[in-house]
PDB file of all heavy atoms in Angstrom:
ATOM      1  N   GLN A   1      -3.579 -11.670  -4.407  1.00  0.00           N
ATOM      2  CA  GLN A   1      -2.844 -11.810  -3.163  1.00  0.00           C
ATOM      3  C   GLN A   1      -3.114 -13.156  -2.562  1.00  0.00           C
ATOM      4  O   GLN A   1      -2.241 -13.755  -1.937  1.00  0.00           O
ATOM      5  CB  GLN A   1      -3.275 -10.663  -2.151  1.00  0.00           C
ATOM      6  CG  GLN A   1      -2.881  -9.267  -2.659  1.00  0.00           C
ATOM      7  CD  GLN A   1      -1.494  -8.907  -2.366  1.00  0.00           C
ATOM      8  OE1 GLN A   1      -0.759  -9.623  -1.707  1.00  0.00           O
ATOM      9  NE2 GLN A   1      -1.060  -7.784  -2.897  1.00  0.00           N
ATOM     10  N   LYS A   2      -4.289 -13.664  -2.703  1.00  0.00           N
ATOM     11  CA  LYS A   2      -4.641 -14.958  -2.144  1.00  0.00           C
ATOM     12  C   LYS A   2      -3.848 -16.152  -2.714  1.00  0.00           C
ATOM     13  O   LYS A   2      -3.580 -17.092  -2.038  1.00  0.00           O
ATOM     14  CB  LYS A   2      -6.165 -15.205  -2.347  1.00  0.00           C
ATOM     15  CG  LYS A   2      -7.047 -14.388  -1.429  1.00  0.00           C
ATOM     16  CD  LYS A   2      -8.491 -14.583  -1.809  1.00  0.00           C
ATOM     17  CE  LYS A   2      -8.991 -15.992  -1.369  1.00  0.00           C
ATOM     18  NZ  LYS A   2     -10.400 -16.205  -1.693  1.00  0.00           N
ATOM     19  N   VAL A   3      -3.392 -15.923  -4.006  1.00  0.00           N
ATOM     20  CA  VAL A   3      -2.602 -16.973  -4.600  1.00  0.00           C
ATOM     21  C   VAL A   3      -1.392 -17.323  -3.863  1.00  0.00           C
ATOM     22  O   VAL A   3      -1.022 -18.448  -3.713  1.00  0.00           O
ATOM     23  CB  VAL A   3      -2.243 -16.521  -6.077  1.00  0.00           C
ATOM     24  CG1 VAL A   3      -1.119 -17.455  -6.637  1.00  0.00           C
ATOM     25  CG2 VAL A   3      -3.461 -16.512  -6.966  1.00  0.00           C
ATOM     26  N   VAL A   4      -0.709 -16.272  -3.332  1.00  0.00           N
ATOM     27  CA  VAL A   4       0.516 -16.451  -2.547  1.00  0.00           C
ATOM     28  C   VAL A   4       0.299 -16.019  -1.099  1.00  0.00           C
ATOM     29  O   VAL A   4       1.148 -15.407  -0.496  1.00  0.00           O
ATOM     30  CB  VAL A   4       1.659 -15.759  -3.221  1.00  0.00           C
ATOM     31  CG1 VAL A   4       2.049 -16.383  -4.484  1.00  0.00           C
ATOM     32  CG2 VAL A   4       1.293 -14.251  -3.448  1.00  0.00           C
ATOM     33  N   ALA A   5      -0.851 -16.345  -0.533  1.00  0.00           N
ATOM     34  CA  ALA A   5      -1.195 -15.851   0.793  1.00  0.00           C
ATOM     35  C   ALA A   5      -0.230 -16.321   1.825  1.00  0.00           C
ATOM     36  O   ALA A   5       0.094 -17.496   1.940  1.00  0.00           O
ATOM     37  CB  ALA A   5      -2.606 -16.307   1.140  1.00  0.00           C
ATOM     38  N   GLU A   6       0.282 -15.412   2.657  1.00  0.00           N
ATOM     39  CA  GLU A   6       1.217 -15.751   3.751  1.00  0.00           C
ATOM     40  C   GLU A   6       0.324 -15.529   4.931  1.00  0.00           C
ATOM     41  O   GLU A   6      -0.769 -14.974   4.938  1.00  0.00           O
ATOM     42  CB  GLU A   6       2.337 -14.798   3.744  1.00  0.00           C
ATOM     43  CG  GLU A   6       3.241 -14.798   2.516  1.00  0.00           C
ATOM     44  CD  GLU A   6       4.161 -16.003   2.479  1.00  0.00           C
ATOM     45  OE1 GLU A   6       4.356 -16.629   3.508  1.00  0.00           O
ATOM     46  OE2 GLU A   6       4.622 -16.243   1.390  1.00  0.00           O
ATOM     47  N   ASP A   7       0.819 -15.895   6.121  1.00  0.00           N
ATOM     48  CA  ASP A   7       0.056 -15.563   7.308  1.00  0.00           C
ATOM     49  C   ASP A   7       0.175 -14.080   7.628  1.00  0.00           C
ATOM     50  O   ASP A   7       1.082 -13.386   7.069  1.00  0.00           O
ATOM     51  CB  ASP A   7       0.574 -16.427   8.499  1.00  0.00           C
ATOM     52  CG  ASP A   7       1.997 -16.136   8.937  1.00  0.00           C
ATOM     53  OD1 ASP A   7       2.379 -14.948   9.043  1.00  0.00           O
ATOM     54  OD2 ASP A   7       2.666 -17.093   9.194  1.00  0.00           O
ATOM     55  N   THR A   8      -0.646 -13.583   8.451  1.00  0.00           N
ATOM     56  CA  THR A   8      -0.799 -12.140   8.678  1.00  0.00           C
ATOM     57  C   THR A   8       0.566 -11.507   9.184  1.00  0.00           C
ATOM     58  O   THR A   8       0.865 -10.482   8.740  1.00  0.00           O
ATOM     59  CB  THR A   8      -1.871 -11.913   9.747  1.00  0.00           C
ATOM     60  OG1 THR A   8      -3.104 -12.491   9.348  1.00  0.00           O
ATOM     61  CG2 THR A   8      -2.081 -10.408  10.034  1.00  0.00           C
ATOM     62  N   GLN A   9       1.209 -12.245  10.078  1.00  0.00           N
ATOM     63  CA  GLN A   9       2.494 -11.638  10.587  1.00  0.00           C
ATOM     64  C   GLN A   9       3.523 -11.467   9.512  1.00  0.00           C
ATOM     65  O   GLN A   9       4.218 -10.418   9.460  1.00  0.00           O
ATOM     66  CB  GLN A   9       3.027 -12.617  11.660  1.00  0.00           C
ATOM     67  CG  GLN A   9       4.135 -11.955  12.532  1.00  0.00           C
ATOM     68  CD  GLN A   9       3.515 -10.700  13.267  1.00  0.00           C
ATOM     69  OE1 GLN A   9       2.422 -10.595  13.634  1.00  0.00           O
ATOM     70  NE2 GLN A   9       4.468  -9.699  13.349  1.00  0.00           N
ATOM     71  N   GLN A  10       3.599 -12.438   8.583  1.00  0.00           N
ATOM     72  CA  GLN A  10       4.608 -12.318   7.501  1.00  0.00           C
ATOM     73  C   GLN A  10       4.258 -11.204   6.536  1.00  0.00           C
ATOM     74  O   GLN A  10       5.093 -10.446   6.119  1.00  0.00           O
ATOM     75  CB  GLN A  10       4.744 -13.625   6.759  1.00  0.00           C
ATOM     76  CG  GLN A  10       5.434 -14.711   7.488  1.00  0.00           C
ATOM     77  CD  GLN A  10       5.522 -15.999   6.710  1.00  0.00           C
ATOM     78  OE1 GLN A  10       4.487 -16.485   6.192  1.00  0.00           O
ATOM     79  NE2 GLN A  10       6.660 -16.604   6.610  1.00  0.00           N
ATOM     80  N   ARG A  11       2.892 -11.039   6.318  1.00  0.00           N
ATOM     81  CA  ARG A  11       2.544  -9.888   5.440  1.00  0.00           C
ATOM     82  C   ARG A  11       2.786  -8.596   6.103  1.00  0.00           C
ATOM     83  O   ARG A  11       3.271  -7.622   5.461  1.00  0.00           O
ATOM     84  CB  ARG A  11       1.021 -10.028   5.131  1.00  0.00           C
ATOM     85  CG  ARG A  11       0.758 -11.272   4.260  1.00  0.00           C
ATOM     86  CD  ARG A  11      -0.562 -11.008   3.477  1.00  0.00           C
ATOM     87  NE  ARG A  11      -1.665 -10.694   4.327  1.00  0.00           N
ATOM     88  CZ  ARG A  11      -2.524 -11.528   4.901  1.00  0.00           C
ATOM     89  NH1 ARG A  11      -2.286 -12.848   4.790  1.00  0.00           N
ATOM     90  NH2 ARG A  11      -3.431 -11.124   5.600  1.00  0.00           N
ATOM     91  N   LEU A  12       2.554  -8.465   7.384  1.00  0.00           N
ATOM     92  CA  LEU A  12       2.804  -7.238   8.125  1.00  0.00           C
ATOM     93  C   LEU A  12       4.359  -6.913   8.096  1.00  0.00           C
ATOM     94  O   LEU A  12       4.690  -5.738   7.895  1.00  0.00           O
ATOM     95  CB  LEU A  12       2.391  -7.381   9.607  1.00  0.00           C
ATOM     96  CG  LEU A  12       2.670  -6.159  10.502  1.00  0.00           C
ATOM     97  CD1 LEU A  12       1.966  -4.886   9.974  1.00  0.00           C
ATOM     98  CD2 LEU A  12       2.289  -6.433  11.978  1.00  0.00           C
ATOM     99  N   GLN A  13       5.217  -7.919   8.233  1.00  0.00           N
ATOM    100  CA  GLN A  13       6.577  -7.648   8.100  1.00  0.00           C
ATOM    101  C   GLN A  13       6.999  -7.145   6.766  1.00  0.00           C
ATOM    102  O   GLN A  13       7.859  -6.257   6.644  1.00  0.00           O
ATOM    103  CB  GLN A  13       7.379  -8.993   8.440  1.00  0.00           C
ATOM    104  CG  GLN A  13       7.268  -9.407   9.898  1.00  0.00           C
ATOM    105  CD  GLN A  13       7.780 -10.804  10.158  1.00  0.00           C
ATOM    106  OE1 GLN A  13       8.381 -11.454   9.312  1.00  0.00           O
ATOM    107  NE2 GLN A  13       7.483 -11.339  11.362  1.00  0.00           N
ATOM    108  N   GLU A  14       6.423  -7.661   5.722  1.00  0.00           N
ATOM    109  CA  GLU A  14       6.690  -7.199   4.390  1.00  0.00           C
ATOM    110  C   GLU A  14       6.241  -5.697   4.204  1.00  0.00           C
ATOM    111  O   GLU A  14       6.898  -4.919   3.559  1.00  0.00           O
ATOM    112  CB  GLU A  14       6.198  -8.055   3.282  1.00  0.00           C
ATOM    113  CG  GLU A  14       6.446  -7.630   1.881  1.00  0.00           C
ATOM    114  CD  GLU A  14       6.413  -8.734   0.846  1.00  0.00           C
ATOM    115  OE1 GLU A  14       6.869  -9.826   1.113  1.00  0.00           O
ATOM    116  OE2 GLU A  14       6.042  -8.421  -0.306  1.00  0.00           O
ATOM    117  N   GLU A  15       5.006  -5.436   4.671  1.00  0.00           N
ATOM    118  CA  GLU A  15       4.597  -4.064   4.628  1.00  0.00           C
ATOM    119  C   GLU A  15       5.438  -3.084   5.415  1.00  0.00           C
ATOM    120  O   GLU A  15       5.739  -1.978   4.950  1.00  0.00           O
ATOM    121  CB  GLU A  15       3.154  -3.969   5.246  1.00  0.00           C
ATOM    122  CG  GLU A  15       2.069  -4.639   4.432  1.00  0.00           C
ATOM    123  CD  GLU A  15       1.835  -4.007   3.048  1.00  0.00           C
ATOM    124  OE1 GLU A  15       1.443  -2.828   3.010  1.00  0.00           O
ATOM    125  OE2 GLU A  15       2.015  -4.628   2.023  1.00  0.00           O
ATOM    126  N   ARG A  16       6.041  -3.572   6.538  1.00  0.00           N
ATOM    127  CA  ARG A  16       6.957  -2.730   7.346  1.00  0.00           C
ATOM    128  C   ARG A  16       8.250  -2.483   6.510  1.00  0.00           C
ATOM    129  O   ARG A  16       8.770  -1.389   6.515  1.00  0.00           O
ATOM    130  CB  ARG A  16       7.306  -3.362   8.661  1.00  0.00           C
ATOM    131  CG  ARG A  16       8.103  -2.538   9.521  1.00  0.00           C
ATOM    132  CD  ARG A  16       8.378  -3.187  10.932  1.00  0.00           C
ATOM    133  NE  ARG A  16       7.163  -3.059  11.761  1.00  0.00           N
ATOM    134  CZ  ARG A  16       6.466  -4.096  12.211  1.00  0.00           C
ATOM    135  NH1 ARG A  16       6.737  -5.323  11.829  1.00  0.00           N
ATOM    136  NH2 ARG A  16       5.434  -3.937  12.967  1.00  0.00           N
ATOM    137  N   ARG A  17       8.667  -3.502   5.791  1.00  0.00           N
ATOM    138  CA  ARG A  17       9.825  -3.362   4.899  1.00  0.00           C
ATOM    139  C   ARG A  17       9.582  -2.359   3.774  1.00  0.00           C
ATOM    140  O   ARG A  17      10.471  -1.545   3.340  1.00  0.00           O
ATOM    141  CB  ARG A  17      10.303  -4.731   4.323  1.00  0.00           C
ATOM    142  CG  ARG A  17      10.836  -5.621   5.350  1.00  0.00           C
ATOM    143  CD  ARG A  17      11.565  -6.837   4.698  1.00  0.00           C
ATOM    144  NE  ARG A  17      10.685  -7.775   4.014  1.00  0.00           N
ATOM    145  CZ  ARG A  17      10.122  -8.839   4.552  1.00  0.00           C
ATOM    146  NH1 ARG A  17      10.317  -9.101   5.883  1.00  0.00           N
ATOM    147  NH2 ARG A  17       9.350  -9.617   3.864  1.00  0.00           N
ATOM    148  N   LEU A  18       8.294  -2.378   3.289  1.00  0.00           N
ATOM    149  CA  LEU A  18       7.901  -1.387   2.252  1.00  0.00           C
ATOM    150  C   LEU A  18       7.964   0.061   2.793  1.00  0.00           C
ATOM    151  O   LEU A  18       8.436   0.940   2.026  1.00  0.00           O
ATOM    152  CB  LEU A  18       6.472  -1.782   1.765  1.00  0.00           C
ATOM    153  CG  LEU A  18       5.973  -1.127   0.462  1.00  0.00           C
ATOM    154  CD1 LEU A  18       6.939  -1.470  -0.670  1.00  0.00           C
ATOM    155  CD2 LEU A  18       4.614  -1.622   0.188  1.00  0.00           C
ATOM    156  N   MET A  19       7.506   0.243   3.993  1.00  0.00           N
ATOM    157  CA  MET A  19       7.597   1.609   4.600  1.00  0.00           C
ATOM    158  C   MET A  19       9.098   1.957   4.730  1.00  0.00           C
ATOM    159  O   MET A  19       9.459   3.087   4.484  1.00  0.00           O
ATOM    160  CB  MET A  19       6.951   1.521   5.981  1.00  0.00           C
ATOM    161  CG  MET A  19       7.042   2.850   6.786  1.00  0.00           C
ATOM    162  SD  MET A  19       5.903   4.094   6.055  1.00  0.00           S
ATOM    163  CE  MET A  19       6.144   5.407   7.236  1.00  0.00           C
ATOM    164  N   TYR A  20       9.977   1.025   5.159  1.00  0.00           N
ATOM    165  CA  TYR A  20      11.393   1.248   5.304  1.00  0.00           C
ATOM    166  C   TYR A  20      12.033   1.688   3.943  1.00  0.00           C
ATOM    167  O   TYR A  20      12.835   2.658   3.886  1.00  0.00           O
ATOM    168  CB  TYR A  20      12.001  -0.029   5.815  1.00  0.00           C
ATOM    169  CG  TYR A  20      13.499   0.009   5.921  1.00  0.00           C
ATOM    170  CD1 TYR A  20      14.202   0.538   6.952  1.00  0.00           C
ATOM    171  CD2 TYR A  20      14.293  -0.567   4.884  1.00  0.00           C
ATOM    172  CE1 TYR A  20      15.541   0.514   7.118  1.00  0.00           C
ATOM    173  CE2 TYR A  20      15.729  -0.610   4.975  1.00  0.00           C
ATOM    174  CZ  TYR A  20      16.306  -0.097   6.052  1.00  0.00           C
ATOM    175  OH  TYR A  20      17.716  -0.123   6.072  1.00  0.00           O
ATOM    176  N   VAL A  21      11.616   0.968   2.916  1.00  0.00           N
ATOM    177  CA  VAL A  21      12.120   1.347   1.530  1.00  0.00           C
ATOM    178  C   VAL A  21      11.656   2.761   1.194  1.00  0.00           C
ATOM    179  O   VAL A  21      12.533   3.571   0.652  1.00  0.00           O
ATOM    180  CB  VAL A  21      11.573   0.357   0.491  1.00  0.00           C
ATOM    181  CG1 VAL A  21      11.787   0.916  -0.920  1.00  0.00           C
ATOM    182  CG2 VAL A  21      12.269  -0.978   0.614  1.00  0.00           C
ATOM    183  N   GLY A  22      10.399   3.130   1.508  1.00  0.00           N
ATOM    184  CA  GLY A  22      10.024   4.482   1.130  1.00  0.00           C
ATOM    185  C   GLY A  22      10.735   5.513   1.920  1.00  0.00           C
ATOM    186  O   GLY A  22      11.181   6.550   1.335  1.00  0.00           O
ATOM    187  N   ILE A  23      10.996   5.384   3.252  1.00  0.00           N
ATOM    188  CA  ILE A  23      11.763   6.335   4.064  1.00  0.00           C
ATOM    189  C   ILE A  23      13.131   6.437   3.502  1.00  0.00           C
ATOM    190  O   ILE A  23      13.669   7.585   3.379  1.00  0.00           O
ATOM    191  CB  ILE A  23      11.767   5.831   5.507  1.00  0.00           C
ATOM    192  CG1 ILE A  23      10.335   5.850   6.138  1.00  0.00           C
ATOM    193  CG2 ILE A  23      12.700   6.708   6.285  1.00  0.00           C
ATOM    194  CD1 ILE A  23      10.292   5.187   7.517  1.00  0.00           C
ATOM    195  N   THR A  24      13.790   5.318   3.106  1.00  0.00           N
ATOM    196  CA  THR A  24      15.189   5.418   2.710  1.00  0.00           C
ATOM    197  C   THR A  24      15.369   5.879   1.274  1.00  0.00           C
ATOM    198  O   THR A  24      16.521   5.888   0.781  1.00  0.00           O
ATOM    199  CB  THR A  24      15.893   4.073   2.931  1.00  0.00           C
ATOM    200  OG1 THR A  24      15.161   3.031   2.282  1.00  0.00           O
ATOM    201  CG2 THR A  24      16.006   3.753   4.396  1.00  0.00           C
ATOM    202  N   ARG A  25      14.345   6.320   0.591  1.00  0.00           N
ATOM    203  CA  ARG A  25      14.466   6.921  -0.715  1.00  0.00           C
ATOM    204  C   ARG A  25      14.826   8.383  -0.531  1.00  0.00           C
ATOM    205  O   ARG A  25      15.367   9.031  -1.500  1.00  0.00           O
ATOM    206  CB  ARG A  25      13.152   6.920  -1.538  1.00  0.00           C
ATOM    207  CG  ARG A  25      12.563   5.514  -1.861  1.00  0.00           C
ATOM    208  CD  ARG A  25      13.571   4.605  -2.459  1.00  0.00           C
ATOM    209  NE  ARG A  25      14.100   3.745  -1.420  1.00  0.00           N
ATOM    210  CZ  ARG A  25      15.252   3.108  -1.523  1.00  0.00           C
ATOM    211  NH1 ARG A  25      15.960   3.132  -2.650  1.00  0.00           N
ATOM    212  NH2 ARG A  25      15.754   2.359  -0.528  1.00  0.00           N
ATOM    213  N   ALA A  26      14.616   8.969   0.639  1.00  0.00           N
ATOM    214  CA  ALA A  26      14.862  10.391   0.880  1.00  0.00           C
ATOM    215  C   ALA A  26      16.281  10.684   1.186  1.00  0.00           C
ATOM    216  O   ALA A  26      16.900  10.051   2.058  1.00  0.00           O
ATOM    217  CB  ALA A  26      13.914  10.872   1.942  1.00  0.00           C
ATOM    218  N   GLN A  27      16.840  11.791   0.559  1.00  0.00           N
ATOM    219  CA  GLN A  27      18.207  12.148   0.903  1.00  0.00           C
ATOM    220  C   GLN A  27      18.167  13.324   1.929  1.00  0.00           C
ATOM    221  O   GLN A  27      18.980  13.265   2.904  1.00  0.00           O
ATOM    222  CB  GLN A  27      18.837  12.738  -0.423  1.00  0.00           C
ATOM    223  CG  GLN A  27      19.038  11.618  -1.477  1.00  0.00           C
ATOM    224  CD  GLN A  27      19.470  12.229  -2.816  1.00  0.00           C
ATOM    225  OE1 GLN A  27      19.024  13.252  -3.200  1.00  0.00           O
ATOM    226  NE2 GLN A  27      20.367  11.549  -3.494  1.00  0.00           N
ATOM    227  N   ARG A  28      17.424  14.427   1.734  1.00  0.00           N
ATOM    228  CA  ARG A  28      17.523  15.550   2.615  1.00  0.00           C
ATOM    229  C   ARG A  28      16.375  15.867   3.424  1.00  0.00           C
ATOM    230  O   ARG A  28      16.463  16.219   4.665  1.00  0.00           O
ATOM    231  CB  ARG A  28      17.899  16.812   1.736  1.00  0.00           C
ATOM    232  CG  ARG A  28      19.351  16.731   1.165  1.00  0.00           C
ATOM    233  CD  ARG A  28      19.588  17.852   0.114  1.00  0.00           C
ATOM    234  NE  ARG A  28      19.071  19.128   0.585  1.00  0.00           N
ATOM    235  CZ  ARG A  28      18.802  20.195  -0.240  1.00  0.00           C
ATOM    236  NH1 ARG A  28      18.979  19.950  -1.527  1.00  0.00           N
ATOM    237  NH2 ARG A  28      18.378  21.280   0.292  1.00  0.00           N
ATOM    238  N   THR A  29      15.160  15.724   2.847  1.00  0.00           N
ATOM    239  CA  THR A  29      13.899  15.988   3.637  1.00  0.00           C
ATOM    240  C   THR A  29      12.892  14.883   3.385  1.00  0.00           C
ATOM    241  O   THR A  29      12.881  14.341   2.325  1.00  0.00           O
ATOM    242  CB  THR A  29      13.258  17.319   3.280  1.00  0.00           C
ATOM    243  OG1 THR A  29      12.597  17.234   1.984  1.00  0.00           O
ATOM    244  CG2 THR A  29      14.221  18.476   3.253  1.00  0.00           C
ATOM    245  N   LEU A  30      12.156  14.549   4.454  1.00  0.00           N
ATOM    246  CA  LEU A  30      11.069  13.506   4.361  1.00  0.00           C
ATOM    247  C   LEU A  30       9.915  14.023   5.114  1.00  0.00           C
ATOM    248  O   LEU A  30       9.992  14.518   6.201  1.00  0.00           O
ATOM    249  CB  LEU A  30      11.599  12.254   4.939  1.00  0.00           C
ATOM    250  CG  LEU A  30      10.552  11.079   5.134  1.00  0.00           C
ATOM    251  CD1 LEU A  30      10.048  10.615   3.819  1.00  0.00           C
ATOM    252  CD2 LEU A  30      11.095   9.967   5.940  1.00  0.00           C
ATOM    253  N   ALA A  31       8.732  13.909   4.427  1.00  0.00           N
ATOM    254  CA  ALA A  31       7.425  14.215   5.128  1.00  0.00           C
ATOM    255  C   ALA A  31       6.570  12.961   4.916  1.00  0.00           C
ATOM    256  O   ALA A  31       6.582  12.334   3.877  1.00  0.00           O
ATOM    257  CB  ALA A  31       6.739  15.398   4.518  1.00  0.00           C
ATOM    258  N   VAL A  32       5.761  12.616   5.950  1.00  0.00           N
ATOM    259  CA  VAL A  32       4.880  11.458   5.908  1.00  0.00           C
ATOM    260  C   VAL A  32       3.526  12.005   6.197  1.00  0.00           C
ATOM    261  O   VAL A  32       3.309  12.720   7.184  1.00  0.00           O
ATOM    262  CB  VAL A  32       5.355  10.447   7.000  1.00  0.00           C
ATOM    263  CG1 VAL A  32       4.356   9.280   6.992  1.00  0.00           C
ATOM    264  CG2 VAL A  32       6.709   9.935   6.785  1.00  0.00           C
ATOM    265  N   SER A  33       2.564  11.763   5.294  1.00  0.00           N
ATOM    266  CA  SER A  33       1.249  12.349   5.466  1.00  0.00           C
ATOM    267  C   SER A  33       0.155  11.208   5.524  1.00  0.00           C
ATOM    268  O   SER A  33       0.321  10.113   5.002  1.00  0.00           O
ATOM    269  CB  SER A  33       0.921  13.298   4.379  1.00  0.00           C
ATOM    270  OG  SER A  33       0.608  12.669   3.148  1.00  0.00           O
ATOM    271  N   TRP A  34      -0.900  11.537   6.245  1.00  0.00           N
ATOM    272  CA  TRP A  34      -2.017  10.647   6.371  1.00  0.00           C
ATOM    273  C   TRP A  34      -3.353  11.430   6.408  1.00  0.00           C
ATOM    274  O   TRP A  34      -3.305  12.644   6.680  1.00  0.00           O
ATOM    275  CB  TRP A  34      -1.938   9.765   7.695  1.00  0.00           C
ATOM    276  CG  TRP A  34      -1.996  10.585   9.012  1.00  0.00           C
ATOM    277  CD1 TRP A  34      -1.027  11.263   9.519  1.00  0.00           C
ATOM    278  CD2 TRP A  34      -3.128  10.758   9.843  1.00  0.00           C
ATOM    279  NE1 TRP A  34      -1.437  11.945  10.688  1.00  0.00           N
ATOM    280  CE2 TRP A  34      -2.736  11.596  10.928  1.00  0.00           C
ATOM    281  CE3 TRP A  34      -4.470  10.204   9.765  1.00  0.00           C
ATOM    282  CZ2 TRP A  34      -3.658  11.954  11.874  1.00  0.00           C
ATOM    283  CZ3 TRP A  34      -5.324  10.531  10.838  1.00  0.00           C
ATOM    284  CH2 TRP A  34      -4.890  11.489  11.867  1.00  0.00           C
ATOM    285  N   THR A  35      -4.455  10.766   6.154  1.00  0.00           N
ATOM    286  CA  THR A  35      -5.714  11.462   6.066  1.00  0.00           C
ATOM    287  C   THR A  35      -6.674  10.949   7.155  1.00  0.00           C
ATOM    288  O   THR A  35      -6.656   9.782   7.448  1.00  0.00           O
ATOM    289  CB  THR A  35      -6.371  11.216   4.647  1.00  0.00           C
ATOM    290  OG1 THR A  35      -6.543   9.857   4.389  1.00  0.00           O
ATOM    291  CG2 THR A  35      -5.503  11.849   3.562  1.00  0.00           C
ATOM    292  N   LYS A  36      -7.494  11.878   7.579  1.00  0.00           N
ATOM    293  CA  LYS A  36      -8.487  11.478   8.602  1.00  0.00           C
ATOM    294  C   LYS A  36      -9.631  10.699   8.073  1.00  0.00           C
ATOM    295  O   LYS A  36     -10.328   9.969   8.747  1.00  0.00           O
ATOM    296  CB  LYS A  36      -8.959  12.752   9.362  1.00  0.00           C
ATOM    297  CG  LYS A  36      -7.786  13.458  10.115  1.00  0.00           C
ATOM    298  CD  LYS A  36      -8.283  14.792  10.714  1.00  0.00           C
ATOM    299  CE  LYS A  36      -7.170  15.475  11.312  1.00  0.00           C
ATOM    300  NZ  LYS A  36      -7.468  16.856  11.815  1.00  0.00           N
TER     301      LYS A  36
END
């Protein structure tokens, strides 16, 4: 990751796009889970 390090804000924007891609894979039902 350090090889192509971007600033924090740009990386956060790409991670948000990754979440968006995950959500839009779903056709009928979507569940999002997290662990304590």
